[in-house]
Amino acid sequence: MPISLTRRAGICAIGAALLSVTVGPAVASDAADVVKNGANRMLQVLKSGASDAERRATLTELMTQSFDLQSFGRNVLGRHWNAATPEQRQRFLAAFQKSEVNTYADRFKQYSGQTLQVGKVTSNGNAQLVESQIVQPNDPPIRIVWEVQNGRITDVTVEGVSMAVTRRADFNAYIQKNGIDGLIAELERRAGS
């Protein structure tokens, strides 16, 4: 199942948030701490030369603790969430989490000193938006905005492209051809389930 993201937009919520963090003096919020704490934990693992299994275990723990998977799943499936049975929802969330962990655990093998600088936090309704950027040694910085509600990440926007909106478009197209069970089976295959 192709995921239609550009190189810059392809850096997902997990990958970007879990790099090194520099927090500016104006950042003093719980939302910024969610991003900062996840990044610091992942950086420890990356610098230790962790094995594939250790990276996957850490990413799984961070997704469970830092992301509101239920909210994210509803958002990503859109209208298909309401049509799904409770069992389909549960299977989707589990497979989605595992497939994302597998994808980004492999990408962390390519870590080469990038840092995440956290900037200002603004309110948008019930959500707080945490502005940040990935600073890369040899490339321009990549702008990332984290949406945080009730202390958990609900969406990530990379260079103006929402991860939830992009995944929803990709998953909707896949569901149109293969049904929701087809999508779940594909995600389970990618997750190694």
N, C-alpha and C. Protein backbone atom coordinates (compact mmCIF):
# COMPACT_ATOMS: atom_id res chain seq x y z
N MET A 1 0.84 -1.17 0.00
CA MET A 1 0.00 0.00 0.00
C MET A 1 0.89 1.23 0.00
N PRO A 2 0.87 2.04 -1.06
CA PRO A 2 1.74 3.20 -1.10
C PRO A 2 1.24 4.29 -0.16
N ILE A 3 2.18 4.99 0.44
CA ILE A 3 1.86 6.15 1.26
C ILE A 3 2.43 7.35 0.52
N SER A 4 1.57 8.27 0.10
CA SER A 4 1.98 9.37 -0.77
C SER A 4 2.43 10.58 0.02
N LEU A 5 3.65 10.50 0.54
CA LEU A 5 4.21 11.63 1.27
C LEU A 5 5.49 12.07 0.56
N THR A 6 5.75 13.37 0.56
CA THR A 6 7.02 13.87 0.04
C THR A 6 8.12 13.53 1.03
N ARG A 7 9.37 13.73 0.61
CA ARG A 7 10.50 13.42 1.49
C ARG A 7 10.38 14.16 2.81
N ARG A 8 10.08 15.45 2.75
CA ARG A 8 9.98 16.23 3.97
C ARG A 8 8.75 15.84 4.77
N ALA A 9 7.63 15.69 4.11
CA ALA A 9 6.40 15.36 4.82
C ALA A 9 6.43 13.93 5.31
N GLY A 10 7.31 13.11 4.78
CA GLY A 10 7.40 11.72 5.19
C GLY A 10 7.97 11.52 6.57
N ILE A 11 8.54 12.57 7.14
CA ILE A 11 9.03 12.46 8.51
C ILE A 11 7.82 12.53 9.42
N CYS A 12 7.45 11.43 10.00
CA CYS A 12 6.19 11.38 10.75
C CYS A 12 6.34 11.84 12.18
N ALA A 13 5.22 11.79 12.85
CA ALA A 13 5.15 12.23 14.23
C ALA A 13 6.18 11.58 15.10
N ILE A 14 6.30 10.31 15.01
CA ILE A 14 7.24 9.61 15.87
C ILE A 14 8.67 10.01 15.53
N GLY A 15 9.03 9.89 14.27
CA GLY A 15 10.40 10.15 13.85
C GLY A 15 10.89 11.51 14.23
N ALA A 16 10.12 12.51 13.98
CA ALA A 16 10.56 13.86 14.24
C ALA A 16 10.59 14.16 15.73
N ALA A 17 9.58 13.76 16.45
CA ALA A 17 9.49 14.12 17.86
C ALA A 17 10.55 13.46 18.70
N LEU A 18 11.06 12.37 18.23
CA LEU A 18 11.92 11.58 19.09
C LEU A 18 13.39 11.79 18.82
N LEU A 19 13.73 12.92 18.24
CA LEU A 19 15.11 13.29 18.06
C LEU A 19 15.53 14.21 19.20
N SER A 20 16.74 14.73 19.16
CA SER A 20 17.23 15.60 20.22
C SER A 20 16.42 16.88 20.29
N VAL A 21 16.24 17.41 21.49
CA VAL A 21 15.39 18.58 21.70
C VAL A 21 16.17 19.72 22.33
N THR A 22 15.93 20.93 21.83
CA THR A 22 16.41 22.15 22.46
C THR A 22 15.17 22.97 22.75
N VAL A 23 14.91 23.26 24.01
CA VAL A 23 13.71 23.98 24.38
C VAL A 23 14.07 25.42 24.70
N GLY A 24 13.41 26.36 24.02
CA GLY A 24 13.64 27.78 24.24
C GLY A 24 13.05 28.24 25.55
N PRO A 25 13.48 29.39 26.05
CA PRO A 25 13.02 29.86 27.35
C PRO A 25 11.53 30.19 27.38
N ALA A 26 10.92 30.49 26.23
CA ALA A 26 9.50 30.84 26.21
C ALA A 26 8.60 29.62 26.31
N VAL A 27 9.18 28.43 26.20
CA VAL A 27 8.37 27.21 26.22
C VAL A 27 8.28 26.69 27.64
N ALA A 28 7.10 26.83 28.22
CA ALA A 28 6.91 26.37 29.60
C ALA A 28 5.53 25.77 29.72
N SER A 29 5.23 24.79 28.89
CA SER A 29 3.89 24.22 28.92
C SER A 29 3.96 22.70 28.96
N ASP A 30 2.84 22.12 29.39
CA ASP A 30 2.74 20.67 29.39
C ASP A 30 2.85 20.10 27.98
N ALA A 31 2.29 20.80 27.00
CA ALA A 31 2.32 20.31 25.62
C ALA A 31 3.76 20.22 25.12
N ALA A 32 4.57 21.24 25.38
CA ALA A 32 5.97 21.20 24.96
C ALA A 32 6.71 20.08 25.69
N ASP A 33 6.35 19.83 26.95
CA ASP A 33 6.99 18.76 27.71
C ASP A 33 6.68 17.38 27.12
N VAL A 34 5.48 17.21 26.57
CA VAL A 34 5.14 15.94 25.92
C VAL A 34 6.12 15.66 24.79
N VAL A 35 6.36 16.67 23.96
CA VAL A 35 7.29 16.53 22.83
C VAL A 35 8.72 16.34 23.35
N LYS A 36 9.11 17.18 24.28
CA LYS A 36 10.47 17.13 24.82
C LYS A 36 10.79 15.80 25.49
N ASN A 37 9.90 15.31 26.32
CA ASN A 37 10.16 14.07 27.05
C ASN A 37 10.29 12.86 26.13
N GLY A 38 9.42 12.80 25.13
CA GLY A 38 9.52 11.70 24.16
C GLY A 38 10.83 11.75 23.39
N ALA A 39 11.22 12.96 23.00
CA ALA A 39 12.46 13.13 22.25
C ALA A 39 13.67 12.72 23.08
N ASN A 40 13.70 13.15 24.32
CA ASN A 40 14.84 12.81 25.17
C ASN A 40 14.95 11.31 25.38
N ARG A 41 13.82 10.64 25.58
CA ARG A 41 13.84 9.18 25.78
C ARG A 41 14.36 8.46 24.54
N MET A 42 13.88 8.87 23.35
CA MET A 42 14.32 8.21 22.13
C MET A 42 15.78 8.50 21.85
N LEU A 43 16.23 9.72 22.13
CA LEU A 43 17.63 10.08 21.90
C LEU A 43 18.56 9.19 22.74
N GLN A 44 18.18 8.91 23.98
CA GLN A 44 18.99 8.02 24.81
C GLN A 44 19.17 6.67 24.14
N VAL A 45 18.09 6.15 23.57
CA VAL A 45 18.14 4.84 22.92
C VAL A 45 19.01 4.90 21.66
N LEU A 46 18.86 5.95 20.87
CA LEU A 46 19.63 6.08 19.63
C LEU A 46 21.13 6.19 19.92
N LYS A 47 21.48 6.99 20.90
CA LYS A 47 22.89 7.20 21.23
C LYS A 47 23.52 5.95 21.84
N SER A 48 22.71 5.08 22.43
CA SER A 48 23.26 3.87 23.06
C SER A 48 23.56 2.77 22.05
N GLY A 49 23.22 3.00 20.78
CA GLY A 49 23.44 1.96 19.77
C GLY A 49 22.47 0.81 19.94
N ALA A 50 21.25 1.11 20.27
CA ALA A 50 20.23 0.09 20.56
C ALA A 50 20.01 -0.85 19.37
N SER A 51 19.61 -2.04 19.70
CA SER A 51 19.28 -3.04 18.68
C SER A 51 17.93 -2.70 18.06
N ASP A 52 17.59 -3.37 16.97
CA ASP A 52 16.28 -3.19 16.32
C ASP A 52 15.16 -3.43 17.33
N ALA A 53 15.28 -4.49 18.11
CA ALA A 53 14.23 -4.83 19.08
C ALA A 53 14.10 -3.75 20.15
N GLU A 54 15.22 -3.19 20.59
CA GLU A 54 15.17 -2.13 21.61
C GLU A 54 14.53 -0.85 21.05
N ARG A 55 14.86 -0.50 19.80
CA ARG A 55 14.24 0.67 19.18
C ARG A 55 12.74 0.47 19.05
N ARG A 56 12.33 -0.72 18.61
CA ARG A 56 10.89 -1.00 18.47
C ARG A 56 10.18 -0.94 19.82
N ALA A 57 10.80 -1.50 20.83
CA ALA A 57 10.18 -1.50 22.17
C ALA A 57 10.04 -0.07 22.70
N THR A 58 11.05 0.74 22.50
CA THR A 58 10.99 2.13 22.97
C THR A 58 9.93 2.91 22.19
N LEU A 59 9.89 2.73 20.88
CA LEU A 59 8.88 3.42 20.07
C LEU A 59 7.47 3.00 20.47
N THR A 60 7.27 1.73 20.72
CA THR A 60 5.96 1.24 21.15
C THR A 60 5.56 1.90 22.47
N GLU A 61 6.48 1.95 23.40
CA GLU A 61 6.23 2.58 24.70
C GLU A 61 5.89 4.06 24.52
N LEU A 62 6.67 4.75 23.69
CA LEU A 62 6.44 6.18 23.48
C LEU A 62 5.11 6.45 22.78
N MET A 63 4.76 5.63 21.81
CA MET A 63 3.47 5.83 21.14
C MET A 63 2.33 5.63 22.12
N THR A 64 2.45 4.61 22.95
CA THR A 64 1.40 4.32 23.93
C THR A 64 1.26 5.46 24.94
N GLN A 65 2.39 6.01 25.37
CA GLN A 65 2.37 7.05 26.38
C GLN A 65 2.08 8.44 25.82
N SER A 66 2.60 8.75 24.63
CA SER A 66 2.57 10.13 24.13
C SER A 66 1.47 10.42 23.12
N PHE A 67 0.94 9.41 22.46
CA PHE A 67 -0.05 9.61 21.41
C PHE A 67 -1.43 9.17 21.89
N ASP A 68 -2.44 9.92 21.52
CA ASP A 68 -3.82 9.53 21.77
C ASP A 68 -4.25 8.70 20.57
N LEU A 69 -3.94 7.39 20.62
CA LEU A 69 -4.19 6.51 19.48
C LEU A 69 -5.67 6.39 19.14
N GLN A 70 -6.52 6.42 20.14
CA GLN A 70 -7.97 6.33 19.90
C GLN A 70 -8.43 7.54 19.08
N SER A 71 -8.04 8.72 19.49
CA SER A 71 -8.41 9.95 18.78
C SER A 71 -7.78 9.97 17.40
N PHE A 72 -6.52 9.60 17.34
CA PHE A 72 -5.81 9.58 16.06
C PHE A 72 -6.46 8.59 15.11
N GLY A 73 -6.83 7.41 15.63
CA GLY A 73 -7.48 6.39 14.80
C GLY A 73 -8.81 6.87 14.25
N ARG A 74 -9.62 7.51 15.09
CA ARG A 74 -10.90 8.07 14.62
C ARG A 74 -10.66 9.09 13.52
N ASN A 75 -9.67 9.94 13.72
CA ASN A 75 -9.36 10.98 12.75
C ASN A 75 -8.86 10.38 11.43
N VAL A 76 -7.98 9.42 11.52
CA VAL A 76 -7.39 8.81 10.33
C VAL A 76 -8.43 8.01 9.53
N LEU A 77 -9.29 7.26 10.21
CA LEU A 77 -10.31 6.49 9.49
C LEU A 77 -11.49 7.35 9.04
N GLY A 78 -11.65 8.52 9.64
CA GLY A 78 -12.73 9.42 9.24
C GLY A 78 -14.09 8.73 9.31
N ARG A 79 -14.86 8.82 8.23
CA ARG A 79 -16.21 8.26 8.22
C ARG A 79 -16.22 6.74 8.37
N HIS A 80 -15.10 6.10 8.08
CA HIS A 80 -15.03 4.63 8.20
C HIS A 80 -14.98 4.18 9.66
N TRP A 81 -14.57 5.08 10.57
CA TRP A 81 -14.52 4.74 11.98
C TRP A 81 -15.91 4.38 12.50
N ASN A 82 -16.90 5.18 12.15
CA ASN A 82 -18.26 4.93 12.62
C ASN A 82 -18.85 3.66 12.03
N ALA A 83 -18.44 3.31 10.83
CA ALA A 83 -18.95 2.11 10.19
C ALA A 83 -18.25 0.84 10.68
N ALA A 84 -17.08 1.00 11.29
CA ALA A 84 -16.31 -0.15 11.76
C ALA A 84 -16.92 -0.74 13.02
N THR A 85 -16.79 -2.04 13.17
CA THR A 85 -17.23 -2.71 14.40
C THR A 85 -16.19 -2.44 15.49
N PRO A 86 -16.55 -2.64 16.75
CA PRO A 86 -15.55 -2.48 17.82
C PRO A 86 -14.32 -3.36 17.60
N GLU A 87 -14.52 -4.59 17.10
CA GLU A 87 -13.38 -5.47 16.84
C GLU A 87 -12.50 -4.90 15.72
N GLN A 88 -13.11 -4.38 14.66
CA GLN A 88 -12.33 -3.78 13.58
C GLN A 88 -11.54 -2.57 14.08
N ARG A 89 -12.16 -1.76 14.91
CA ARG A 89 -11.46 -0.59 15.45
C ARG A 89 -10.24 -1.02 16.27
N GLN A 90 -10.45 -2.01 17.13
CA GLN A 90 -9.36 -2.50 17.97
C GLN A 90 -8.23 -3.07 17.12
N ARG A 91 -8.57 -3.89 16.13
CA ARG A 91 -7.56 -4.47 15.25
C ARG A 91 -6.84 -3.37 14.46
N PHE A 92 -7.59 -2.39 13.98
CA PHE A 92 -6.99 -1.29 13.22
C PHE A 92 -5.98 -0.54 14.08
N LEU A 93 -6.37 -0.15 15.29
CA LEU A 93 -5.47 0.61 16.16
C LEU A 93 -4.20 -0.17 16.47
N ALA A 94 -4.34 -1.45 16.78
CA ALA A 94 -3.17 -2.27 17.09
C ALA A 94 -2.26 -2.42 15.88
N ALA A 95 -2.84 -2.68 14.71
CA ALA A 95 -2.04 -2.87 13.49
C ALA A 95 -1.41 -1.55 13.05
N PHE A 96 -2.16 -0.46 13.16
CA PHE A 96 -1.64 0.85 12.78
C PHE A 96 -0.43 1.21 13.64
N GLN A 97 -0.56 1.04 14.95
CA GLN A 97 0.55 1.35 15.85
C GLN A 97 1.78 0.50 15.51
N LYS A 98 1.60 -0.80 15.35
CA LYS A 98 2.74 -1.68 15.08
C LYS A 98 3.39 -1.38 13.73
N SER A 99 2.57 -1.10 12.71
CA SER A 99 3.15 -0.81 11.40
C SER A 99 3.93 0.50 11.42
N GLU A 100 3.43 1.50 12.14
CA GLU A 100 4.16 2.78 12.25
C GLU A 100 5.45 2.56 13.03
N VAL A 101 5.41 1.80 14.10
CA VAL A 101 6.61 1.53 14.88
C VAL A 101 7.65 0.84 14.01
N ASN A 102 7.26 -0.18 13.26
CA ASN A 102 8.21 -0.88 12.40
C ASN A 102 8.83 0.05 11.37
N THR A 103 8.01 0.87 10.74
CA THR A 103 8.51 1.80 9.72
C THR A 103 9.55 2.74 10.30
N TYR A 104 9.23 3.34 11.43
CA TYR A 104 10.12 4.37 11.94
C TYR A 104 11.27 3.83 12.78
N ALA A 105 11.16 2.64 13.29
CA ALA A 105 12.31 2.02 13.96
C ALA A 105 13.41 1.79 12.95
N ASP A 106 13.04 1.37 11.75
CA ASP A 106 14.03 1.18 10.68
C ASP A 106 14.64 2.51 10.25
N ARG A 107 13.83 3.56 10.17
CA ARG A 107 14.36 4.87 9.77
C ARG A 107 15.33 5.42 10.80
N PHE A 108 15.18 5.05 12.06
CA PHE A 108 16.09 5.55 13.08
C PHE A 108 17.50 5.00 12.93
N LYS A 109 17.67 3.95 12.15
CA LYS A 109 19.02 3.46 11.88
C LYS A 109 19.83 4.54 11.18
N GLN A 110 19.15 5.47 10.52
CA GLN A 110 19.82 6.51 9.74
C GLN A 110 20.04 7.79 10.56
N TYR A 111 19.85 7.75 11.86
CA TYR A 111 20.03 8.93 12.70
C TYR A 111 21.46 9.45 12.56
N SER A 112 21.59 10.75 12.28
CA SER A 112 22.93 11.31 12.08
C SER A 112 23.06 12.69 12.72
N GLY A 113 22.60 12.82 13.94
CA GLY A 113 22.81 14.05 14.68
C GLY A 113 21.76 15.13 14.53
N GLN A 114 20.61 14.83 13.93
CA GLN A 114 19.55 15.83 13.83
C GLN A 114 19.08 16.22 15.23
N THR A 115 18.60 17.45 15.35
CA THR A 115 18.05 17.91 16.62
C THR A 115 16.67 18.49 16.38
N LEU A 116 15.84 18.44 17.39
CA LEU A 116 14.51 19.03 17.32
C LEU A 116 14.50 20.24 18.24
N GLN A 117 14.24 21.41 17.69
CA GLN A 117 14.15 22.63 18.48
C GLN A 117 12.68 22.96 18.67
N VAL A 118 12.27 23.06 19.92
CA VAL A 118 10.88 23.35 20.24
C VAL A 118 10.73 24.84 20.46
N GLY A 119 9.71 25.42 19.82
CA GLY A 119 9.46 26.86 19.91
C GLY A 119 8.20 27.16 20.70
N LYS A 120 7.43 28.11 20.19
CA LYS A 120 6.28 28.58 20.95
C LYS A 120 5.11 27.59 20.91
N VAL A 121 4.26 27.74 21.92
CA VAL A 121 3.05 26.93 22.04
C VAL A 121 1.87 27.88 21.96
N THR A 122 0.91 27.57 21.09
CA THR A 122 -0.30 28.38 20.97
C THR A 122 -1.52 27.50 21.16
N SER A 123 -2.65 28.12 21.48
CA SER A 123 -3.89 27.37 21.65
C SER A 123 -4.71 27.43 20.37
N ASN A 124 -5.39 26.33 20.09
CA ASN A 124 -6.31 26.24 18.96
C ASN A 124 -7.51 25.43 19.45
N GLY A 125 -8.50 26.11 19.99
CA GLY A 125 -9.64 25.41 20.58
C GLY A 125 -9.18 24.63 21.80
N ASN A 126 -9.47 23.35 21.82
CA ASN A 126 -9.07 22.48 22.93
C ASN A 126 -7.64 21.99 22.82
N ALA A 127 -7.00 22.26 21.69
CA ALA A 127 -5.66 21.74 21.44
C ALA A 127 -4.60 22.82 21.67
N GLN A 128 -3.40 22.36 21.99
CA GLN A 128 -2.24 23.23 22.02
C GLN A 128 -1.37 22.83 20.83
N LEU A 129 -0.85 23.82 20.12
CA LEU A 129 0.02 23.58 18.97
C LEU A 129 1.44 23.93 19.37
N VAL A 130 2.32 22.92 19.29
CA VAL A 130 3.72 23.09 19.66
C VAL A 130 4.53 23.21 18.37
N GLU A 131 5.09 24.40 18.14
CA GLU A 131 5.90 24.62 16.95
C GLU A 131 7.31 24.12 17.21
N SER A 132 7.90 23.52 16.18
CA SER A 132 9.26 23.01 16.30
C SER A 132 9.88 22.91 14.91
N GLN A 133 11.15 22.59 14.91
CA GLN A 133 11.81 22.29 13.64
C GLN A 133 12.92 21.29 13.87
N ILE A 134 13.11 20.44 12.88
CA ILE A 134 14.25 19.52 12.89
C ILE A 134 15.40 20.24 12.23
N VAL A 135 16.49 20.34 12.94
CA VAL A 135 17.70 20.94 12.41
C VAL A 135 18.60 19.80 11.96
N GLN A 136 18.97 19.84 10.68
CA GLN A 136 19.78 18.78 10.09
C GLN A 136 21.17 19.32 9.78
N PRO A 137 22.20 18.51 9.95
CA PRO A 137 23.56 19.00 9.72
C PRO A 137 23.80 19.56 8.32
N ASN A 138 23.27 18.93 7.28
CA ASN A 138 23.59 19.33 5.91
C ASN A 138 22.38 19.72 5.06
N ASP A 139 21.21 19.85 5.67
CA ASP A 139 20.00 20.18 4.93
C ASP A 139 19.25 21.29 5.65
N PRO A 140 18.33 21.95 4.93
CA PRO A 140 17.53 22.99 5.59
C PRO A 140 16.66 22.39 6.70
N PRO A 141 16.30 23.19 7.70
CA PRO A 141 15.43 22.69 8.77
C PRO A 141 14.05 22.32 8.24
N ILE A 142 13.39 21.42 8.94
CA ILE A 142 12.05 20.96 8.59
C ILE A 142 11.10 21.41 9.68
N ARG A 143 10.05 22.15 9.31
CA ARG A 143 9.09 22.71 10.27
C ARG A 143 8.06 21.64 10.64
N ILE A 144 7.81 21.49 11.96
CA ILE A 144 6.85 20.52 12.47
C ILE A 144 5.98 21.20 13.52
N VAL A 145 4.68 20.96 13.45
CA VAL A 145 3.75 21.46 14.47
C VAL A 145 3.03 20.25 15.06
N TRP A 146 3.08 20.14 16.38
CA TRP A 146 2.47 19.03 17.12
C TRP A 146 1.15 19.50 17.70
N GLU A 147 0.09 18.77 17.49
CA GLU A 147 -1.20 19.06 18.12
C GLU A 147 -1.31 18.18 19.36
N VAL A 148 -1.48 18.82 20.51
CA VAL A 148 -1.53 18.09 21.78
C VAL A 148 -2.83 18.44 22.49
N GLN A 149 -3.57 17.41 22.89
CA GLN A 149 -4.80 17.59 23.68
C GLN A 149 -4.73 16.67 24.89
N ASN A 150 -5.06 17.21 26.04
CA ASN A 150 -5.07 16.43 27.27
C ASN A 150 -3.75 15.68 27.50
N GLY A 151 -2.64 16.33 27.15
CA GLY A 151 -1.33 15.75 27.41
C GLY A 151 -0.90 14.67 26.44
N ARG A 152 -1.61 14.52 25.30
CA ARG A 152 -1.25 13.48 24.34
C ARG A 152 -1.30 14.05 22.93
N ILE A 153 -0.42 13.57 22.07
CA ILE A 153 -0.33 14.04 20.69
C ILE A 153 -1.49 13.46 19.88
N THR A 154 -2.20 14.34 19.16
CA THR A 154 -3.33 13.91 18.35
C THR A 154 -3.09 14.10 16.85
N ASP A 155 -2.09 14.87 16.47
CA ASP A 155 -1.72 15.02 15.06
C ASP A 155 -0.38 15.71 15.00
N VAL A 156 0.27 15.55 13.84
CA VAL A 156 1.55 16.18 13.56
C VAL A 156 1.48 16.73 12.15
N THR A 157 1.91 17.97 11.98
CA THR A 157 1.95 18.59 10.66
C THR A 157 3.40 18.87 10.31
N VAL A 158 3.87 18.26 9.21
CA VAL A 158 5.24 18.41 8.76
C VAL A 158 5.24 19.25 7.50
N GLU A 159 5.92 20.41 7.55
CA GLU A 159 5.97 21.32 6.41
C GLU A 159 4.58 21.59 5.86
N GLY A 160 3.61 21.78 6.75
CA GLY A 160 2.25 22.13 6.35
C GLY A 160 1.37 20.96 5.97
N VAL A 161 1.88 19.74 6.06
CA VAL A 161 1.12 18.55 5.68
C VAL A 161 0.78 17.75 6.93
N SER A 162 -0.52 17.61 7.23
CA SER A 162 -0.98 16.88 8.40
C SER A 162 -0.82 15.38 8.19
N MET A 163 -0.21 14.72 9.16
CA MET A 163 -0.08 13.26 9.09
C MET A 163 -1.46 12.60 9.07
N ALA A 164 -2.37 13.08 9.93
CA ALA A 164 -3.70 12.48 10.00
C ALA A 164 -4.45 12.65 8.69
N VAL A 165 -4.39 13.83 8.10
CA VAL A 165 -5.10 14.08 6.84
C VAL A 165 -4.51 13.24 5.71
N THR A 166 -3.20 13.15 5.66
CA THR A 166 -2.54 12.36 4.62
C THR A 166 -2.86 10.88 4.77
N ARG A 167 -2.76 10.37 6.01
CA ARG A 167 -3.09 8.96 6.23
C ARG A 167 -4.56 8.70 5.91
N ARG A 168 -5.45 9.63 6.29
CA ARG A 168 -6.87 9.45 6.00
C ARG A 168 -7.10 9.33 4.49
N ALA A 169 -6.47 10.18 3.70
CA ALA A 169 -6.64 10.11 2.25
C ALA A 169 -6.11 8.78 1.70
N ASP A 170 -4.94 8.37 2.15
CA ASP A 170 -4.37 7.10 1.69
C ASP A 170 -5.22 5.91 2.12
N PHE A 171 -5.63 5.90 3.38
CA PHE A 171 -6.42 4.79 3.89
C PHE A 171 -7.81 4.75 3.25
N ASN A 172 -8.41 5.93 3.03
CA ASN A 172 -9.72 5.98 2.39
C ASN A 172 -9.65 5.37 0.99
N ALA A 173 -8.62 5.73 0.24
CA ALA A 173 -8.45 5.17 -1.11
C ALA A 173 -8.29 3.65 -1.04
N TYR A 174 -7.52 3.18 -0.06
CA TYR A 174 -7.31 1.74 0.08
C TYR A 174 -8.61 1.04 0.47
N ILE A 175 -9.37 1.64 1.38
CA ILE A 175 -10.65 1.05 1.81
C ILE A 175 -11.64 1.00 0.65
N GLN A 176 -11.63 2.03 -0.20
CA GLN A 176 -12.54 2.05 -1.35
C GLN A 176 -12.32 0.83 -2.24
N LYS A 177 -11.09 0.39 -2.38
CA LYS A 177 -10.76 -0.75 -3.23
C LYS A 177 -10.83 -2.10 -2.50
N ASN A 178 -10.48 -2.10 -1.21
CA ASN A 178 -10.29 -3.37 -0.51
C ASN A 178 -11.13 -3.54 0.75
N GLY A 179 -11.90 -2.53 1.12
CA GLY A 179 -12.69 -2.59 2.35
C GLY A 179 -11.84 -2.36 3.58
N ILE A 180 -12.51 -2.13 4.70
CA ILE A 180 -11.78 -1.87 5.93
C ILE A 180 -11.01 -3.10 6.40
N ASP A 181 -11.57 -4.29 6.17
CA ASP A 181 -10.84 -5.50 6.56
C ASP A 181 -9.58 -5.66 5.71
N GLY A 182 -9.64 -5.23 4.45
CA GLY A 182 -8.45 -5.25 3.59
C GLY A 182 -7.36 -4.33 4.11
N LEU A 183 -7.76 -3.13 4.56
CA LEU A 183 -6.79 -2.20 5.13
C LEU A 183 -6.18 -2.79 6.39
N ILE A 184 -7.00 -3.32 7.26
CA ILE A 184 -6.50 -3.90 8.51
C ILE A 184 -5.53 -5.04 8.21
N ALA A 185 -5.89 -5.90 7.25
CA ALA A 185 -5.00 -7.01 6.89
C ALA A 185 -3.67 -6.50 6.35
N GLU A 186 -3.70 -5.44 5.55
CA GLU A 186 -2.45 -4.87 5.02
C GLU A 186 -1.59 -4.29 6.13
N LEU A 187 -2.21 -3.58 7.06
CA LEU A 187 -1.46 -3.02 8.18
C LEU A 187 -0.92 -4.14 9.08
N GLU A 188 -1.70 -5.18 9.28
CA GLU A 188 -1.21 -6.32 10.07
C GLU A 188 -0.02 -6.99 9.37
N ARG A 189 -0.08 -7.08 8.05
CA ARG A 189 1.05 -7.65 7.30
C ARG A 189 2.29 -6.79 7.50
N ARG A 190 2.14 -5.48 7.39
CA ARG A 190 3.27 -4.57 7.58
C ARG A 190 3.77 -4.61 9.01
N ALA A 191 2.88 -4.88 9.95
CA ALA A 191 3.25 -4.94 11.37
C ALA A 191 3.89 -6.27 11.74
N GLY A 192 3.79 -7.24 10.84
CA GLY A 192 4.32 -8.56 11.14
C GLY A 192 3.42 -9.37 12.03
N SER A 193 2.12 -9.00 12.09
CA SER A 193 1.16 -9.70 12.95
C SER A 193 0.68 -10.98 12.32
